[in-house]
């Protein structure tokens, strides 16, 4: 399946990912003492190109997690969606600030590096742009740089 098919139309009944099951697994593995939070896909918009994208959010008033609906496709790896759920659970447990403690806990997610690398490689597609090949000068390390997911 070509990566340009990233944004596909999925109604809640036709959802590719079961968010509740993914969240239950994250909670079981990383937050066993936290309550199970309500989780849902966000609202779909008609914008094809965007300058930024909010992949997930946590509402402290309702304790609800929302995940961007463009991620509800088989092209997006399961571990990437779970990394967003993990991030939002951290907001539930630690608060809104992205401080050192928050980032240290975020790095404990098993697929943290893979998730950041996947985002770095696929962000143009999530923004509705064409993918550009990643060109590195000869001798430059292929190791991914640290970047925030949200």
N, C-alpha and C. Protein backbone atom coordinates (compact mmCIF):
# COMPACT_ATOMS: atom_id res chain seq x y z
N UNK A 1 0.85 -1.17 0.00
CA UNK A 1 0.00 0.00 0.00
C UNK A 1 0.89 1.23 0.00
N UNK A 2 0.69 2.16 -0.94
CA UNK A 2 1.55 3.34 -0.98
C UNK A 2 1.29 4.24 0.22
N UNK A 3 2.34 4.95 0.65
CA UNK A 3 2.21 5.83 1.81
C UNK A 3 1.31 7.01 1.54
N UNK A 4 1.09 7.37 0.27
CA UNK A 4 0.21 8.49 -0.03
C UNK A 4 -1.23 8.17 0.36
N UNK A 5 -1.55 6.92 0.60
CA UNK A 5 -2.90 6.53 1.00
C UNK A 5 -3.08 6.62 2.51
N UNK A 6 -2.25 7.46 3.14
CA UNK A 6 -2.27 7.54 4.60
C UNK A 6 -3.61 7.98 5.15
N UNK A 7 -4.21 8.99 4.55
CA UNK A 7 -5.49 9.49 5.05
C UNK A 7 -6.59 8.74 4.32
N UNK A 8 -7.27 7.87 5.05
CA UNK A 8 -8.37 7.12 4.47
C UNK A 8 -9.60 7.38 5.30
N UNK A 9 -10.73 7.16 4.71
CA UNK A 9 -11.98 7.44 5.41
C UNK A 9 -12.41 6.23 6.21
N UNK A 10 -12.44 6.39 7.53
CA UNK A 10 -12.88 5.32 8.42
C UNK A 10 -13.90 5.89 9.39
N UNK A 11 -15.10 5.34 9.40
CA UNK A 11 -16.08 5.71 10.40
C UNK A 11 -15.75 4.96 11.67
N UNK A 12 -16.37 5.34 12.79
CA UNK A 12 -16.07 4.67 14.05
C UNK A 12 -16.37 3.18 13.98
N UNK A 13 -17.40 2.79 13.18
CA UNK A 13 -17.70 1.35 13.06
C UNK A 13 -16.64 0.63 12.24
N UNK A 14 -15.97 1.36 11.34
CA UNK A 14 -14.97 0.77 10.47
C UNK A 14 -13.55 1.03 10.96
N UNK A 15 -13.40 1.35 12.22
CA UNK A 15 -12.11 1.73 12.77
C UNK A 15 -11.10 0.60 12.60
N UNK A 16 -9.90 0.96 12.15
CA UNK A 16 -8.86 -0.03 11.99
C UNK A 16 -8.30 -0.45 13.34
N UNK A 17 -8.06 0.52 14.22
CA UNK A 17 -7.50 0.24 15.54
C UNK A 17 -8.58 0.30 16.62
N UNK A 18 -8.48 -0.58 17.58
CA UNK A 18 -9.34 -0.57 18.76
C UNK A 18 -8.60 0.22 19.85
N UNK A 19 -8.94 1.49 19.97
CA UNK A 19 -8.22 2.36 20.91
C UNK A 19 -8.33 1.87 22.35
N UNK A 20 -9.48 1.37 22.72
CA UNK A 20 -9.66 0.91 24.10
C UNK A 20 -8.72 -0.25 24.42
N UNK A 21 -8.54 -1.16 23.48
CA UNK A 21 -7.63 -2.28 23.69
C UNK A 21 -6.18 -1.82 23.75
N UNK A 22 -5.81 -0.87 22.88
CA UNK A 22 -4.45 -0.34 22.90
C UNK A 22 -4.18 0.39 24.22
N UNK A 23 -5.16 1.18 24.67
CA UNK A 23 -5.00 1.93 25.93
C UNK A 23 -4.94 0.98 27.13
N UNK A 24 -5.74 -0.07 27.10
CA UNK A 24 -5.73 -1.04 28.20
C UNK A 24 -4.36 -1.70 28.30
N UNK A 25 -3.75 -1.99 27.18
CA UNK A 25 -2.41 -2.60 27.18
C UNK A 25 -1.36 -1.63 27.72
N UNK A 26 -1.43 -0.37 27.31
CA UNK A 26 -0.49 0.64 27.82
C UNK A 26 -0.67 0.79 29.33
N UNK A 27 -1.91 0.89 29.76
CA UNK A 27 -2.19 1.04 31.19
C UNK A 27 -1.66 -0.16 31.98
N UNK A 28 -1.91 -1.36 31.48
CA UNK A 28 -1.46 -2.57 32.17
C UNK A 28 0.07 -2.61 32.30
N UNK A 29 0.77 -2.23 31.22
CA UNK A 29 2.23 -2.33 31.20
C UNK A 29 2.95 -1.19 31.90
N UNK A 30 2.35 0.02 31.90
CA UNK A 30 3.07 1.19 32.41
C UNK A 30 2.37 1.93 33.55
N UNK A 31 1.07 1.81 33.66
CA UNK A 31 0.32 2.58 34.66
C UNK A 31 -0.70 1.69 35.38
N UNK A 32 -0.26 0.61 36.00
CA UNK A 32 -1.22 -0.34 36.59
C UNK A 32 -2.06 0.25 37.73
N UNK A 33 -1.57 1.30 38.38
CA UNK A 33 -2.33 1.90 39.48
C UNK A 33 -3.27 3.02 39.02
N UNK A 34 -3.12 3.44 37.78
CA UNK A 34 -3.97 4.52 37.25
C UNK A 34 -5.31 3.93 36.79
N UNK A 35 -6.33 4.75 36.85
CA UNK A 35 -7.63 4.30 36.38
C UNK A 35 -7.64 4.22 34.86
N UNK A 36 -8.51 3.39 34.31
CA UNK A 36 -8.65 3.28 32.87
C UNK A 36 -9.34 4.54 32.37
N UNK A 37 -8.69 5.25 31.45
CA UNK A 37 -9.22 6.52 30.96
C UNK A 37 -10.07 6.31 29.71
N UNK A 38 -11.12 7.11 29.55
CA UNK A 38 -11.87 7.05 28.30
C UNK A 38 -10.98 7.53 27.16
N UNK A 39 -11.10 6.90 26.02
CA UNK A 39 -10.28 7.24 24.86
C UNK A 39 -11.14 7.17 23.61
N UNK A 40 -10.90 8.09 22.68
CA UNK A 40 -11.65 8.09 21.42
C UNK A 40 -10.83 8.77 20.34
N UNK A 41 -11.27 8.57 19.10
CA UNK A 41 -10.68 9.28 17.98
C UNK A 41 -11.21 10.70 17.99
N UNK A 42 -10.39 11.66 17.60
CA UNK A 42 -10.83 13.05 17.49
C UNK A 42 -11.74 13.24 16.29
N UNK A 43 -12.14 14.47 16.06
CA UNK A 43 -13.01 14.78 14.93
C UNK A 43 -12.18 14.90 13.66
N UNK A 44 -12.72 14.36 12.59
CA UNK A 44 -12.05 14.44 11.29
C UNK A 44 -12.32 15.81 10.67
N UNK A 45 -11.26 16.40 10.09
CA UNK A 45 -11.41 17.66 9.38
C UNK A 45 -11.14 17.42 7.91
N UNK A 46 -11.51 18.38 7.09
CA UNK A 46 -11.34 18.23 5.64
C UNK A 46 -10.03 18.80 5.12
N UNK A 47 -9.21 19.34 6.02
CA UNK A 47 -7.95 19.92 5.56
C UNK A 47 -7.03 18.84 5.02
N UNK A 48 -6.50 19.07 3.83
CA UNK A 48 -5.57 18.09 3.24
C UNK A 48 -4.13 18.44 3.58
N UNK A 49 -3.84 19.73 3.69
CA UNK A 49 -2.49 20.16 4.06
C UNK A 49 -2.59 20.98 5.33
N UNK A 50 -1.67 20.73 6.24
CA UNK A 50 -1.64 21.48 7.49
C UNK A 50 -0.20 21.85 7.82
N UNK A 51 -0.05 22.82 8.68
CA UNK A 51 1.29 23.24 9.12
C UNK A 51 1.72 22.47 10.35
N UNK A 52 0.76 22.01 11.13
CA UNK A 52 1.07 21.23 12.32
C UNK A 52 -0.07 20.24 12.55
N UNK A 53 0.19 19.31 13.44
CA UNK A 53 -0.83 18.30 13.74
C UNK A 53 -0.70 17.93 15.22
N UNK A 54 -1.83 17.90 15.90
CA UNK A 54 -1.85 17.45 17.30
C UNK A 54 -2.24 15.98 17.28
N UNK A 55 -1.27 15.13 17.54
CA UNK A 55 -1.48 13.70 17.42
C UNK A 55 -2.36 13.13 18.53
N UNK A 56 -2.32 13.76 19.69
CA UNK A 56 -3.13 13.30 20.81
C UNK A 56 -3.33 14.43 21.79
N UNK A 57 -4.33 14.28 22.64
CA UNK A 57 -4.56 15.28 23.68
C UNK A 57 -5.19 14.60 24.90
N UNK A 58 -4.98 15.24 26.04
CA UNK A 58 -5.56 14.77 27.29
C UNK A 58 -6.34 15.92 27.90
N UNK A 59 -7.61 15.68 28.19
CA UNK A 59 -8.46 16.69 28.82
C UNK A 59 -8.51 16.40 30.31
N UNK A 60 -7.86 17.26 31.10
CA UNK A 60 -7.78 17.02 32.55
C UNK A 60 -9.14 17.15 33.23
N UNK A 61 -10.09 17.87 32.61
CA UNK A 61 -11.41 18.02 33.23
C UNK A 61 -12.23 16.73 33.12
N UNK A 62 -12.13 16.07 31.98
CA UNK A 62 -12.91 14.85 31.76
C UNK A 62 -12.06 13.58 31.85
N UNK A 63 -10.75 13.75 31.96
CA UNK A 63 -9.78 12.64 31.96
C UNK A 63 -9.88 11.82 30.68
N UNK A 64 -10.22 12.47 29.58
CA UNK A 64 -10.37 11.77 28.30
C UNK A 64 -9.14 11.98 27.43
N UNK A 65 -8.76 10.92 26.73
CA UNK A 65 -7.68 10.98 25.74
C UNK A 65 -8.33 10.98 24.36
N UNK A 66 -7.84 11.87 23.50
CA UNK A 66 -8.28 11.88 22.10
C UNK A 66 -7.06 11.68 21.21
N UNK A 67 -7.23 10.87 20.19
CA UNK A 67 -6.16 10.56 19.23
C UNK A 67 -6.60 11.07 17.86
N UNK A 68 -5.66 11.67 17.12
CA UNK A 68 -5.98 12.23 15.81
C UNK A 68 -6.49 11.13 14.88
N UNK A 69 -7.61 11.35 14.21
CA UNK A 69 -8.22 10.30 13.37
C UNK A 69 -7.38 9.89 12.16
N UNK A 70 -6.46 10.74 11.73
CA UNK A 70 -5.60 10.37 10.59
C UNK A 70 -4.68 9.21 10.91
N UNK A 71 -4.54 8.88 12.19
CA UNK A 71 -3.68 7.76 12.58
C UNK A 71 -4.41 6.43 12.53
N UNK A 72 -5.68 6.46 12.26
CA UNK A 72 -6.50 5.25 12.25
C UNK A 72 -6.42 4.56 10.89
N UNK A 73 -5.25 4.08 10.57
CA UNK A 73 -4.97 3.44 9.29
C UNK A 73 -3.89 2.38 9.48
N UNK A 74 -3.92 1.33 8.68
CA UNK A 74 -2.91 0.27 8.84
C UNK A 74 -1.49 0.72 8.54
N UNK A 75 -1.31 1.87 7.93
CA UNK A 75 0.03 2.36 7.61
C UNK A 75 0.74 2.84 8.87
N UNK A 76 -0.03 3.30 9.85
CA UNK A 76 0.54 3.78 11.11
C UNK A 76 0.75 2.58 12.02
N UNK A 77 1.97 2.37 12.50
CA UNK A 77 2.21 1.20 13.35
C UNK A 77 1.52 1.31 14.70
N UNK A 78 1.12 0.18 15.18
CA UNK A 78 0.44 0.06 16.48
C UNK A 78 1.26 0.68 17.61
N UNK A 79 2.58 0.44 17.60
CA UNK A 79 3.44 0.98 18.65
C UNK A 79 3.44 2.50 18.66
N UNK A 80 3.24 3.12 17.49
CA UNK A 80 3.24 4.58 17.42
C UNK A 80 2.00 5.15 18.11
N UNK A 81 0.85 4.55 17.84
CA UNK A 81 -0.37 5.00 18.51
C UNK A 81 -0.25 4.77 20.01
N UNK A 82 0.31 3.66 20.40
CA UNK A 82 0.49 3.40 21.83
C UNK A 82 1.47 4.38 22.47
N UNK A 83 2.43 4.88 21.70
CA UNK A 83 3.34 5.88 22.26
C UNK A 83 2.59 7.18 22.56
N UNK A 84 1.62 7.51 21.75
CA UNK A 84 0.80 8.70 21.99
C UNK A 84 -0.08 8.47 23.22
N UNK A 85 -0.66 7.28 23.32
CA UNK A 85 -1.48 6.95 24.49
C UNK A 85 -0.62 7.02 25.75
N UNK A 86 0.59 6.48 25.68
CA UNK A 86 1.53 6.53 26.82
C UNK A 86 1.80 7.98 27.21
N UNK A 87 2.05 8.82 26.23
CA UNK A 87 2.32 10.23 26.48
C UNK A 87 1.14 10.90 27.19
N UNK A 88 -0.07 10.60 26.72
CA UNK A 88 -1.26 11.23 27.32
C UNK A 88 -1.53 10.68 28.72
N UNK A 89 -1.24 9.41 28.95
CA UNK A 89 -1.35 8.87 30.31
C UNK A 89 -0.36 9.56 31.24
N UNK A 90 0.82 9.89 30.73
CA UNK A 90 1.78 10.62 31.56
C UNK A 90 1.21 11.97 31.98
N UNK A 91 0.47 12.63 31.09
CA UNK A 91 -0.18 13.89 31.47
C UNK A 91 -1.19 13.64 32.59
N UNK A 92 -1.90 12.54 32.52
CA UNK A 92 -2.86 12.21 33.56
C UNK A 92 -2.17 12.00 34.91
N UNK A 93 -1.02 11.34 34.89
CA UNK A 93 -0.32 10.99 36.12
C UNK A 93 0.57 12.13 36.62
N UNK A 94 1.27 12.81 35.70
CA UNK A 94 2.28 13.80 36.11
C UNK A 94 1.86 15.26 35.92
N UNK A 95 0.80 15.51 35.19
CA UNK A 95 0.38 16.89 34.94
C UNK A 95 0.72 17.35 33.54
N UNK A 96 0.47 18.63 33.30
CA UNK A 96 0.55 19.17 31.94
C UNK A 96 1.97 19.50 31.48
N UNK A 97 2.89 19.73 32.39
CA UNK A 97 4.22 20.21 32.01
C UNK A 97 5.10 19.13 31.40
N UNK A 98 5.84 19.53 30.37
CA UNK A 98 6.84 18.66 29.75
C UNK A 98 8.19 18.99 30.37
N UNK A 99 8.42 18.55 31.58
CA UNK A 99 9.68 18.83 32.28
C UNK A 99 10.60 17.61 32.22
N UNK A 100 11.72 17.67 32.92
CA UNK A 100 12.69 16.57 32.88
C UNK A 100 12.08 15.26 33.37
N UNK A 101 11.31 15.34 34.43
CA UNK A 101 10.68 14.12 34.96
C UNK A 101 9.75 13.50 33.93
N UNK A 102 8.97 14.35 33.27
CA UNK A 102 8.04 13.88 32.24
C UNK A 102 8.81 13.18 31.12
N UNK A 103 9.87 13.84 30.61
CA UNK A 103 10.63 13.25 29.50
C UNK A 103 11.35 11.97 29.91
N UNK A 104 11.81 11.91 31.13
CA UNK A 104 12.45 10.67 31.62
C UNK A 104 11.44 9.52 31.63
N UNK A 105 10.24 9.79 32.08
CA UNK A 105 9.20 8.76 32.09
C UNK A 105 8.78 8.39 30.67
N UNK A 106 8.75 9.39 29.79
CA UNK A 106 8.37 9.14 28.39
C UNK A 106 9.36 8.19 27.72
N UNK A 107 10.63 8.34 28.04
CA UNK A 107 11.65 7.47 27.44
C UNK A 107 11.55 6.02 27.92
N UNK A 108 10.79 5.77 28.98
CA UNK A 108 10.62 4.40 29.47
C UNK A 108 9.71 3.56 28.58
N UNK A 109 8.95 4.22 27.69
CA UNK A 109 8.11 3.47 26.76
C UNK A 109 9.00 2.61 25.88
N UNK A 110 8.68 1.35 25.76
CA UNK A 110 9.53 0.36 25.09
C UNK A 110 9.91 0.77 23.67
N UNK A 111 9.00 1.37 22.94
CA UNK A 111 9.25 1.73 21.54
C UNK A 111 9.39 3.24 21.36
N UNK A 112 9.93 3.90 22.36
CA UNK A 112 10.06 5.36 22.30
C UNK A 112 10.92 5.81 21.11
N UNK A 113 12.08 5.23 20.97
CA UNK A 113 12.99 5.63 19.87
C UNK A 113 12.39 5.30 18.51
N UNK A 114 11.78 4.12 18.40
CA UNK A 114 11.16 3.74 17.13
C UNK A 114 10.02 4.68 16.77
N UNK A 115 9.26 5.09 17.79
CA UNK A 115 8.14 6.00 17.55
C UNK A 115 8.64 7.36 17.07
N UNK A 116 9.69 7.86 17.69
CA UNK A 116 10.23 9.14 17.25
C UNK A 116 10.79 9.06 15.84
N UNK A 117 11.45 7.97 15.54
CA UNK A 117 11.99 7.78 14.19
C UNK A 117 10.86 7.67 13.18
N UNK A 118 9.81 6.93 13.51
CA UNK A 118 8.67 6.80 12.59
C UNK A 118 8.05 8.17 12.34
N UNK A 119 7.88 8.96 13.38
CA UNK A 119 7.31 10.30 13.22
C UNK A 119 8.21 11.18 12.35
N UNK A 120 9.49 11.14 12.60
CA UNK A 120 10.43 11.95 11.83
C UNK A 120 10.35 11.61 10.34
N UNK A 121 10.24 10.34 10.05
CA UNK A 121 10.19 9.91 8.65
C UNK A 121 8.84 10.15 7.99
N UNK A 122 7.77 10.19 8.78
CA UNK A 122 6.43 10.24 8.20
C UNK A 122 5.64 11.50 8.50
N UNK A 123 6.22 12.45 9.20
CA UNK A 123 5.50 13.69 9.50
C UNK A 123 5.00 14.40 8.25
N UNK A 124 5.78 14.49 7.18
CA UNK A 124 5.23 15.15 5.99
C UNK A 124 3.93 14.50 5.49
N UNK A 125 3.85 13.20 5.57
CA UNK A 125 2.63 12.51 5.15
C UNK A 125 1.46 12.84 6.08
N UNK A 126 1.72 12.90 7.38
CA UNK A 126 0.67 13.24 8.33
C UNK A 126 0.18 14.67 8.12
N UNK A 127 1.06 15.53 7.63
CA UNK A 127 0.70 16.92 7.37
C UNK A 127 0.05 17.09 5.99
N UNK A 128 -0.02 16.01 5.23
CA UNK A 128 -0.64 16.08 3.90
C UNK A 128 0.30 16.51 2.81
N UNK A 129 1.58 16.34 3.03
CA UNK A 129 2.59 16.72 2.03
C UNK A 129 3.20 15.47 1.44
N UNK A 130 3.88 15.66 0.33
CA UNK A 130 4.58 14.53 -0.28
C UNK A 130 5.83 14.23 0.52
N UNK A 131 6.17 12.96 0.58
CA UNK A 131 7.37 12.56 1.31
C UNK A 131 8.60 12.94 0.51
N UNK A 132 9.62 13.41 1.22
CA UNK A 132 10.90 13.72 0.60
C UNK A 132 11.91 12.69 1.09
N UNK A 133 12.81 12.26 0.22
CA UNK A 133 13.83 11.33 0.69
C UNK A 133 14.75 12.01 1.69
N UNK A 134 15.17 11.27 2.70
CA UNK A 134 16.07 11.80 3.70
C UNK A 134 17.49 11.63 3.18
N UNK A 135 18.16 12.75 2.91
CA UNK A 135 19.52 12.73 2.38
C UNK A 135 20.47 13.14 3.48
N UNK A 136 21.52 12.36 3.67
CA UNK A 136 22.53 12.66 4.69
C UNK A 136 23.88 12.79 4.00
N UNK A 137 24.68 13.75 4.43
CA UNK A 137 26.04 13.83 3.90
C UNK A 137 26.81 12.56 4.24
N UNK A 138 27.79 12.23 3.42
CA UNK A 138 28.60 11.05 3.65
C UNK A 138 29.27 11.15 5.02
N UNK A 139 29.18 10.07 5.80
CA UNK A 139 29.81 10.03 7.11
C UNK A 139 28.94 10.51 8.24
N UNK A 140 27.77 11.10 7.94
CA UNK A 140 26.89 11.56 9.03
C UNK A 140 26.16 10.37 9.62
N UNK A 141 26.04 10.37 10.92
CA UNK A 141 25.38 9.28 11.63
C UNK A 141 23.92 9.21 11.26
N UNK A 142 23.41 8.00 11.15
CA UNK A 142 22.00 7.80 10.85
C UNK A 142 21.15 7.76 12.11
N UNK A 143 21.76 7.98 13.28
CA UNK A 143 21.02 7.92 14.54
C UNK A 143 20.00 9.05 14.59
N UNK A 144 18.77 8.76 15.02
CA UNK A 144 17.75 9.79 15.07
C UNK A 144 18.02 10.79 16.19
N UNK A 145 17.65 12.04 15.95
CA UNK A 145 17.74 13.07 16.99
C UNK A 145 16.53 12.98 17.88
N UNK A 146 16.66 13.50 19.08
CA UNK A 146 15.53 13.55 19.99
C UNK A 146 14.54 14.58 19.47
N UNK A 147 13.27 14.22 19.49
CA UNK A 147 12.24 15.19 19.12
C UNK A 147 10.98 14.87 19.90
N UNK A 148 10.23 15.88 20.17
CA UNK A 148 9.00 15.68 20.96
C UNK A 148 7.90 15.18 20.04
N UNK A 149 7.09 14.28 20.54
CA UNK A 149 5.99 13.76 19.75
C UNK A 149 4.80 14.69 19.74
N UNK A 150 4.64 15.50 20.76
CA UNK A 150 3.42 16.29 20.86
C UNK A 150 3.72 17.73 21.17
